[in-house]
């Protein structure tokens, strides 16, 4: 552990520089395009996990929803010819299985509304891309590891965990495994900062590179979409 700790926040992972986890991001290239539509009120939270996904998956797009200062359309991030599917376990959602995925025209683009349940529900209703796409929910599976928010019902999970599970269905454990390893490293460091985890209990330890991601070119790309203000995720 470094003798002098740099407590400035990394602009990418949002952790203090001395705990920066960017060097561990797997930077996966997936067959499935990933579009994360994040509510503006959630994007700035240090516990928001969509930013971690944008580090872990190279072909992920991060679109800010609810900020009226500039315009962007999440539909523009769906590659030509791709079939959008929305991860939203509301009424009418179909459990995503390998069989369902195989029955849909490929390639797929996974669109994920990220905010609290009410915010995500309104995104799905008001954004044409989300309203018109096939809705899918998660198969049953439990994840080991730390949770950032303890007040959520037991059947819910973070946006990151949900996306890792869906990509596991679509692309296998070779994708899901590295995603979950990175997630556990990052969340344990977040819990360390909050005083909820001891240094010796942090997954992976703290002896690896913590350089801080100060290069603007390496930061997650954030685009904004102007829609009526009122993932899900947490």
C-alpha atoms as a PDB file:
ATOM      1  CA  UNK A   1       0.000   0.000   0.000  1.00  0.00           C
ATOM      2  CA  UNK A   2       1.463   3.426  -0.896  1.00  0.00           C
ATOM      3  CA  UNK A   3       2.927   5.481   1.940  1.00  0.00           C
ATOM      4  CA  UNK A   4       1.138   8.630   0.755  1.00  0.00           C
ATOM      5  CA  UNK A   5      -2.461   8.222  -0.325  1.00  0.00           C
ATOM      6  CA  UNK A   6      -3.874  10.379  -3.087  1.00  0.00           C
ATOM      7  CA  UNK A   7      -7.479  11.042  -2.089  1.00  0.00           C
ATOM      8  CA  UNK A   8      -8.482  12.846  -5.266  1.00  0.00           C
ATOM      9  CA  UNK A   9     -11.266  11.023  -7.130  1.00  0.00           C
ATOM     10  CA  UNK A  10     -10.463   9.132 -10.307  1.00  0.00           C
ATOM     11  CA  UNK A  11     -12.695  10.690 -13.009  1.00  0.00           C
ATOM     12  CA  UNK A  12     -13.494   7.261 -14.465  1.00  0.00           C
ATOM     13  CA  UNK A  13     -14.119   4.815 -11.609  1.00  0.00           C
ATOM     14  CA  UNK A  14     -14.852   7.573  -9.036  1.00  0.00           C
ATOM     15  CA  UNK A  15     -12.709   5.903  -6.376  1.00  0.00           C
ATOM     16  CA  UNK A  16      -9.908   7.784  -4.605  1.00  0.00           C
ATOM     17  CA  UNK A  17      -6.751   7.663  -6.744  1.00  0.00           C
ATOM     18  CA  UNK A  18      -4.976   5.424  -4.234  1.00  0.00           C
ATOM     19  CA  UNK A  19      -7.771   2.880  -4.673  1.00  0.00           C
ATOM     20  CA  UNK A  20      -8.313   3.366  -8.422  1.00  0.00           C
ATOM     21  CA  UNK A  21      -9.527   0.139  -9.996  1.00  0.00           C
ATOM     22  CA  UNK A  22      -9.289   1.161 -13.675  1.00  0.00           C
ATOM     23  CA  UNK A  23      -6.170  -0.932 -14.262  1.00  0.00           C
ATOM     24  CA  UNK A  24      -8.212  -4.060 -13.475  1.00  0.00           C
ATOM     25  CA  UNK A  25     -11.008  -3.333 -15.977  1.00  0.00           C
ATOM     26  CA  UNK A  26     -11.198  -6.297 -18.373  1.00  0.00           C
ATOM     27  CA  UNK A  27     -12.114  -4.077 -21.370  1.00  0.00           C
ATOM     28  CA  UNK A  28     -14.082  -6.875 -23.006  1.00  0.00           C
ATOM     29  CA  UNK A  29     -15.217  -6.772 -26.610  1.00  0.00           C
ATOM     30  CA  UNK A  30     -18.633  -8.437 -26.704  1.00  0.00           C
ATOM     31  CA  UNK A  31     -20.796  -9.534 -29.610  1.00  0.00           C
ATOM     32  CA  UNK A  32     -23.709  -7.850 -27.837  1.00  0.00           C
ATOM     33  CA  UNK A  33     -23.771  -4.060 -27.994  1.00  0.00           C
ATOM     34  CA  UNK A  34     -24.501  -2.456 -24.619  1.00  0.00           C
ATOM     35  CA  UNK A  35     -26.421   0.833 -24.235  1.00  0.00           C
ATOM     36  CA  UNK A  36     -26.740   2.121 -20.675  1.00  0.00           C
ATOM     37  CA  UNK A  37     -29.400   4.824 -20.268  1.00  0.00           C
ATOM     38  CA  UNK A  38     -28.604   6.348 -16.883  1.00  0.00           C
ATOM     39  CA  UNK A  39     -30.825   8.824 -15.034  1.00  0.00           C
ATOM     40  CA  UNK A  40     -28.969  12.088 -14.454  1.00  0.00           C
ATOM     41  CA  UNK A  41     -29.646  11.930 -10.701  1.00  0.00           C
ATOM     42  CA  UNK A  42     -28.010   8.503 -10.475  1.00  0.00           C
ATOM     43  CA  UNK A  43     -25.041   9.142 -12.742  1.00  0.00           C
ATOM     44  CA  UNK A  44     -23.178  11.287 -10.233  1.00  0.00           C
ATOM     45  CA  UNK A  45     -23.426   8.804  -7.364  1.00  0.00           C
ATOM     46  CA  UNK A  46     -20.225   7.075  -6.384  1.00  0.00           C
ATOM     47  CA  UNK A  47     -22.268   3.875  -6.008  1.00  0.00           C
ATOM     48  CA  UNK A  48     -23.567   3.991  -9.590  1.00  0.00           C
ATOM     49  CA  UNK A  49     -22.300   0.866 -11.331  1.00  0.00           C
ATOM     50  CA  UNK A  50     -23.035   1.832 -14.946  1.00  0.00           C
ATOM     51  CA  UNK A  51     -19.734   3.727 -15.048  1.00  0.00           C
ATOM     52  CA  UNK A  52     -17.940   0.542 -14.048  1.00  0.00           C
ATOM     53  CA  UNK A  53     -19.648  -1.264 -16.935  1.00  0.00           C
ATOM     54  CA  UNK A  54     -18.479   1.413 -19.359  1.00  0.00           C
ATOM     55  CA  UNK A  55     -14.923   0.675 -18.212  1.00  0.00           C
ATOM     56  CA  UNK A  56     -15.306  -3.104 -18.325  1.00  0.00           C
ATOM     57  CA  UNK A  57     -17.005  -3.408 -21.744  1.00  0.00           C
ATOM     58  CA  UNK A  58     -15.358  -1.655 -24.664  1.00  0.00           C
ATOM     59  CA  UNK A  59     -18.450  -1.401 -26.854  1.00  0.00           C
ATOM     60  CA  UNK A  60     -20.675   0.053 -24.130  1.00  0.00           C
ATOM     61  CA  UNK A  61     -22.395   3.413 -24.639  1.00  0.00           C
ATOM     62  CA  UNK A  62     -23.337   5.522 -21.621  1.00  0.00           C
ATOM     63  CA  UNK A  63     -26.262   7.908 -22.266  1.00  0.00           C
ATOM     64  CA  UNK A  64     -27.457  10.386 -19.647  1.00  0.00           C
ATOM     65  CA  UNK A  65     -31.243  10.683 -19.336  1.00  0.00           C
ATOM     66  CA  UNK A  66     -33.106  13.651 -17.878  1.00  0.00           C
ATOM     67  CA  UNK A  67     -30.678  16.536 -18.431  1.00  0.00           C
ATOM     68  CA  UNK A  68     -32.274  19.213 -20.619  1.00  0.00           C
ATOM     69  CA  UNK A  69     -29.057  21.012 -21.504  1.00  0.00           C
ATOM     70  CA  UNK A  70     -28.257  18.975 -24.612  1.00  0.00           C
ATOM     71  CA  UNK A  71     -29.889  16.460 -26.918  1.00  0.00           C
ATOM     72  CA  UNK A  72     -29.010  12.868 -27.701  1.00  0.00           C
ATOM     73  CA  UNK A  73     -30.983   9.845 -28.809  1.00  0.00           C
ATOM     74  CA  UNK A  74     -30.109   6.451 -27.297  1.00  0.00           C
ATOM     75  CA  UNK A  75     -31.455   4.847 -30.477  1.00  0.00           C
ATOM     76  CA  UNK A  76     -28.476   6.314 -32.333  1.00  0.00           C
ATOM     77  CA  UNK A  77     -26.207   3.996 -30.328  1.00  0.00           C
ATOM     78  CA  UNK A  78     -27.898   0.838 -31.628  1.00  0.00           C
ATOM     79  CA  UNK A  79     -25.763  -0.518 -34.486  1.00  0.00           C
ATOM     80  CA  UNK A  80     -27.437  -0.834 -37.863  1.00  0.00           C
ATOM     81  CA  UNK A  81     -29.171  -4.192 -38.158  1.00  0.00           C
ATOM     82  CA  UNK A  82     -29.032  -4.990 -34.431  1.00  0.00           C
ATOM     83  CA  UNK A  83     -32.144  -6.073 -32.511  1.00  0.00           C
ATOM     84  CA  UNK A  84     -32.625  -4.018 -29.321  1.00  0.00           C
ATOM     85  CA  UNK A  85     -33.737  -5.848 -26.177  1.00  0.00           C
ATOM     86  CA  UNK A  86     -34.472  -3.962 -22.966  1.00  0.00           C
ATOM     87  CA  UNK A  87     -33.524  -5.336 -19.573  1.00  0.00           C
ATOM     88  CA  UNK A  88     -36.580  -4.389 -17.540  1.00  0.00           C
ATOM     89  CA  UNK A  89     -38.459  -6.952 -15.423  1.00  0.00           C
ATOM     90  CA  UNK A  90     -41.827  -5.265 -15.692  1.00  0.00           C
ATOM     91  CA  UNK A  91     -45.170  -6.644 -16.875  1.00  0.00           C
ATOM     92  CA  UNK A  92     -44.820  -8.665 -20.054  1.00  0.00           C
ATOM     93  CA  UNK A  93     -41.052  -9.150 -19.817  1.00  0.00           C
ATOM     94  CA  UNK A  94     -39.776 -12.518 -20.995  1.00  0.00           C
ATOM     95  CA  UNK A  95     -37.084 -14.421 -19.120  1.00  0.00           C
ATOM     96  CA  UNK A  96     -33.936 -14.302 -21.209  1.00  0.00           C
ATOM     97  CA  UNK A  97     -32.716 -17.796 -21.971  1.00  0.00           C
ATOM     98  CA  UNK A  98     -30.310 -19.059 -24.635  1.00  0.00           C
ATOM     99  CA  UNK A  99     -33.347 -20.356 -26.512  1.00  0.00           C
ATOM    100  CA  UNK A 100     -35.073 -16.957 -26.529  1.00  0.00           C
ATOM    101  CA  UNK A 101     -31.847 -15.239 -27.560  1.00  0.00           C
ATOM    102  CA  UNK A 102     -31.418 -17.687 -30.440  1.00  0.00           C
ATOM    103  CA  UNK A 103     -34.980 -17.006 -31.609  1.00  0.00           C
ATOM    104  CA  UNK A 104     -34.371 -13.239 -31.875  1.00  0.00           C
ATOM    105  CA  UNK A 105     -32.723 -11.725 -34.964  1.00  0.00           C
ATOM    106  CA  UNK A 106     -29.028 -11.296 -34.280  1.00  0.00           C
ATOM    107  CA  UNK A 107     -26.931  -9.437 -33.416  1.00  0.00           C
ATOM    108  CA  UNK A 108     -28.539  -8.132 -30.229  1.00  0.00           C
ATOM    109  CA  UNK A 109     -28.188  -4.727 -28.585  1.00  0.00           C
ATOM    110  CA  UNK A 110     -28.855  -4.780 -24.842  1.00  0.00           C
ATOM    111  CA  UNK A 111     -30.478  -1.549 -23.627  1.00  0.00           C
ATOM    112  CA  UNK A 112     -30.495  -1.015 -19.863  1.00  0.00           C
ATOM    113  CA  UNK A 113     -32.432   1.765 -18.065  1.00  0.00           C
ATOM    114  CA  UNK A 114     -30.460   2.643 -14.944  1.00  0.00           C
ATOM    115  CA  UNK A 115     -32.082   4.512 -12.064  1.00  0.00           C
ATOM    116  CA  UNK A 116     -34.515   3.726  -9.285  1.00  0.00           C
ATOM    117  CA  UNK A 117     -37.567   1.655 -10.140  1.00  0.00           C
ATOM    118  CA  UNK A 118     -39.788   4.677 -10.815  1.00  0.00           C
ATOM    119  CA  UNK A 119     -37.178   6.424 -12.960  1.00  0.00           C
ATOM    120  CA  UNK A 120     -36.487   3.288 -14.996  1.00  0.00           C
ATOM    121  CA  UNK A 121     -40.206   2.652 -15.514  1.00  0.00           C
ATOM    122  CA  UNK A 122     -40.723   6.137 -16.918  1.00  0.00           C
ATOM    123  CA  UNK A 123     -37.731   5.772 -19.216  1.00  0.00           C
ATOM    124  CA  UNK A 124     -39.273   2.613 -20.648  1.00  0.00           C
ATOM    125  CA  UNK A 125     -42.599   4.378 -21.241  1.00  0.00           C
ATOM    126  CA  UNK A 126     -41.258   7.639 -22.655  1.00  0.00           C
ATOM    127  CA  UNK A 127     -38.264   6.671 -24.764  1.00  0.00           C
ATOM    128  CA  UNK A 128     -39.452   5.105 -28.046  1.00  0.00           C
ATOM    129  CA  UNK A 129     -36.409   2.837 -28.261  1.00  0.00           C
ATOM    130  CA  UNK A 130     -37.195   1.311 -24.867  1.00  0.00           C
ATOM    131  CA  UNK A 131     -40.971   1.322 -25.301  1.00  0.00           C
ATOM    132  CA  UNK A 132     -40.925  -0.598 -28.584  1.00  0.00           C
ATOM    133  CA  UNK A 133     -38.177  -3.147 -27.930  1.00  0.00           C
ATOM    134  CA  UNK A 134     -38.548  -6.677 -26.556  1.00  0.00           C
ATOM    135  CA  UNK A 135     -38.457  -6.597 -22.734  1.00  0.00           C
ATOM    136  CA  UNK A 136     -36.420  -9.266 -20.978  1.00  0.00           C
ATOM    137  CA  UNK A 137     -35.878 -10.227 -17.347  1.00  0.00           C
ATOM    138  CA  UNK A 138     -33.174 -12.212 -15.579  1.00  0.00           C
ATOM    139  CA  UNK A 139     -33.139 -15.943 -15.016  1.00  0.00           C
ATOM    140  CA  UNK A 140     -32.787 -16.921 -11.367  1.00  0.00           C
ATOM    141  CA  UNK A 141     -29.207 -16.884 -10.167  1.00  0.00           C
ATOM    142  CA  UNK A 142     -27.420 -15.816  -6.991  1.00  0.00           C
ATOM    143  CA  UNK A 143     -24.183 -13.867  -6.946  1.00  0.00           C
ATOM    144  CA  UNK A 144     -21.545 -14.090  -4.232  1.00  0.00           C
ATOM    145  CA  UNK A 145     -19.797 -10.957  -3.068  1.00  0.00           C
ATOM    146  CA  UNK A 146     -20.507  -7.611  -1.476  1.00  0.00           C
ATOM    147  CA  UNK A 147     -23.555  -5.431  -2.046  1.00  0.00           C
ATOM    148  CA  UNK A 148     -23.313  -1.659  -2.048  1.00  0.00           C
ATOM    149  CA  UNK A 149     -26.853  -0.976  -0.928  1.00  0.00           C
ATOM    150  CA  UNK A 150     -28.223  -3.141   1.840  1.00  0.00           C
ATOM    151  CA  UNK A 151     -31.759  -1.759   1.786  1.00  0.00           C
ATOM    152  CA  UNK A 152     -32.794  -3.340  -1.469  1.00  0.00           C
ATOM    153  CA  UNK A 153     -34.987  -6.464  -1.549  1.00  0.00           C
ATOM    154  CA  UNK A 154     -33.080  -9.698  -1.744  1.00  0.00           C
ATOM    155  CA  UNK A 155     -34.226 -10.503  -5.273  1.00  0.00           C
ATOM    156  CA  UNK A 156     -32.794  -7.279  -6.691  1.00  0.00           C
ATOM    157  CA  UNK A 157     -29.211  -6.593  -7.687  1.00  0.00           C
ATOM    158  CA  UNK A 158     -27.112  -3.774  -9.067  1.00  0.00           C
ATOM    159  CA  UNK A 159     -27.234  -2.795 -12.727  1.00  0.00           C
ATOM    160  CA  UNK A 160     -23.714  -4.160 -13.137  1.00  0.00           C
ATOM    161  CA  UNK A 161     -24.617  -7.584 -11.703  1.00  0.00           C
ATOM    162  CA  UNK A 162     -27.741  -7.766 -13.865  1.00  0.00           C
ATOM    163  CA  UNK A 163     -25.831  -6.942 -17.041  1.00  0.00           C
ATOM    164  CA  UNK A 164     -23.096  -9.442 -16.163  1.00  0.00           C
ATOM    165  CA  UNK A 165     -25.760 -12.105 -15.741  1.00  0.00           C
ATOM    166  CA  UNK A 166     -27.448 -11.273 -19.045  1.00  0.00           C
ATOM    167  CA  UNK A 167     -24.114 -11.283 -20.889  1.00  0.00           C
ATOM    168  CA  UNK A 168     -23.399 -14.614 -19.241  1.00  0.00           C
ATOM    169  CA  UNK A 169     -26.554 -15.992 -20.859  1.00  0.00           C
ATOM    170  CA  UNK A 170     -25.725 -14.445 -24.224  1.00  0.00           C
ATOM    171  CA  UNK A 171     -21.969 -14.981 -24.348  1.00  0.00           C
ATOM    172  CA  UNK A 172     -21.035 -17.406 -21.567  1.00  0.00           C
ATOM    173  CA  UNK A 173     -18.899 -17.447 -18.455  1.00  0.00           C
ATOM    174  CA  UNK A 174     -15.829 -16.272 -20.365  1.00  0.00           C
ATOM    175  CA  UNK A 175     -17.512 -12.859 -20.351  1.00  0.00           C
ATOM    176  CA  UNK A 176     -19.464 -13.024 -17.081  1.00  0.00           C
ATOM    177  CA  UNK A 177     -16.502 -14.225 -15.005  1.00  0.00           C
ATOM    178  CA  UNK A 178     -14.104 -11.310 -15.703  1.00  0.00           C
ATOM    179  CA  UNK A 179     -16.983  -8.846 -15.329  1.00  0.00           C
ATOM    180  CA  UNK A 180     -17.869 -10.134 -11.877  1.00  0.00           C
ATOM    181  CA  UNK A 181     -14.223 -10.282 -10.798  1.00  0.00           C
ATOM    182  CA  UNK A 182     -13.813  -6.588 -11.671  1.00  0.00           C
ATOM    183  CA  UNK A 183     -17.100  -5.730  -9.967  1.00  0.00           C
ATOM    184  CA  UNK A 184     -16.052  -7.397  -6.740  1.00  0.00           C
ATOM    185  CA  UNK A 185     -12.701  -5.586  -6.750  1.00  0.00           C
ATOM    186  CA  UNK A 186     -14.424  -2.229  -7.261  1.00  0.00           C
ATOM    187  CA  UNK A 187     -17.265  -2.688  -4.774  1.00  0.00           C
ATOM    188  CA  UNK A 188     -14.967  -3.956  -2.026  1.00  0.00           C
ATOM    189  CA  UNK A 189     -12.902  -0.782  -2.424  1.00  0.00           C
ATOM    190  CA  UNK A 190     -16.054   1.323  -2.249  1.00  0.00           C
ATOM    191  CA  UNK A 191     -17.030  -0.447   0.960  1.00  0.00           C
ATOM    192  CA  UNK A 192     -13.519   0.112   2.332  1.00  0.00           C
ATOM    193  CA  UNK A 193     -13.932   3.860   1.745  1.00  0.00           C
ATOM    194  CA  UNK A 194     -17.250   3.741   3.618  1.00  0.00           C
ATOM    195  CA  UNK A 195     -15.649   1.992   6.557  1.00  0.00           C
ATOM    196  CA  UNK A 196     -17.742  -1.148   6.023  1.00  0.00           C
ATOM    197  CA  UNK A 197     -14.835  -3.404   5.113  1.00  0.00           C
ATOM    198  CA  UNK A 198     -11.349  -3.809   6.559  1.00  0.00           C
ATOM    199  CA  UNK A 199      -8.202  -3.467   4.445  1.00  0.00           C
ATOM    200  CA  UNK A 200      -7.414  -7.159   4.859  1.00  0.00           C
ATOM    201  CA  UNK A 201     -10.887  -8.129   3.642  1.00  0.00           C
ATOM    202  CA  UNK A 202     -10.733  -6.313   0.296  1.00  0.00           C
ATOM    203  CA  UNK A 203     -11.018  -8.777  -2.577  1.00  0.00           C
ATOM    204  CA  UNK A 204      -7.760  -9.036  -4.508  1.00  0.00           C
ATOM    205  CA  UNK A 205      -5.854  -6.991  -1.952  1.00  0.00           C
ATOM    206  CA  UNK A 206      -4.416  -3.520  -2.469  1.00  0.00           C
ATOM    207  CA  UNK A 207      -0.943  -4.380  -3.733  1.00  0.00           C
ATOM    208  CA  UNK A 208      -1.707  -4.017  -7.447  1.00  0.00           C
ATOM    209  CA  UNK A 209      -1.465  -0.887  -9.611  1.00  0.00           C
ATOM    210  CA  UNK A 210      -3.546   2.079  -8.436  1.00  0.00           C
ATOM    211  CA  UNK A 211      -2.460   4.733 -10.909  1.00  0.00           C
ATOM    212  CA  UNK A 212      -5.652   6.780 -11.300  1.00  0.00           C
ATOM    213  CA  UNK A 213      -7.234   7.296 -14.689  1.00  0.00           C
ATOM    214  CA  UNK A 214      -6.437  10.925 -15.457  1.00  0.00           C
ATOM    215  CA  UNK A 215      -6.380  10.537 -19.243  1.00  0.00           C
ATOM    216  CA  UNK A 216      -9.585  12.145 -20.632  1.00  0.00           C
ATOM    217  CA  UNK A 217      -9.485   9.785 -23.622  1.00  0.00           C
ATOM    218  CA  UNK A 218      -9.865   6.818 -21.269  1.00  0.00           C
ATOM    219  CA  UNK A 219     -12.904   8.152 -19.451  1.00  0.00           C
ATOM    220  CA  UNK A 220     -16.405   6.797 -20.085  1.00  0.00           C
ATOM    221  CA  UNK A 221     -18.235   8.656 -22.843  1.00  0.00           C
ATOM    222  CA  UNK A 222     -21.381  10.366 -21.543  1.00  0.00           C
ATOM    223  CA  UNK A 223     -24.039  11.631 -23.909  1.00  0.00           C
ATOM    224  CA  UNK A 224     -27.215  13.359 -22.805  1.00  0.00           C
ATOM    225  CA  UNK A 225     -30.793  12.918 -23.928  1.00  0.00           C
ATOM    226  CA  UNK A 226     -33.520  15.527 -23.469  1.00  0.00           C
ATOM    227  CA  UNK A 227     -36.779  13.788 -22.580  1.00  0.00           C
ATOM    228  CA  UNK A 228     -39.565  14.533 -20.078  1.00  0.00           C
ATOM    229  CA  UNK A 229     -38.151  14.241 -16.549  1.00  0.00           C
ATOM    230  CA  UNK A 230     -40.024  11.989 -14.993  1.00  0.00           C
ATOM    231  CA  UNK A 231     -32.237   0.129 -14.901  1.00  0.00           C
ATOM    232  CA  UNK A 232     -33.856  -1.110 -13.747  1.00  0.00           C
ATOM    233  CA  UNK A 233     -30.798  -1.003 -11.662  1.00  0.00           C
ATOM    234  CA  UNK A 234     -29.878   0.286  -8.255  1.00  0.00           C
END
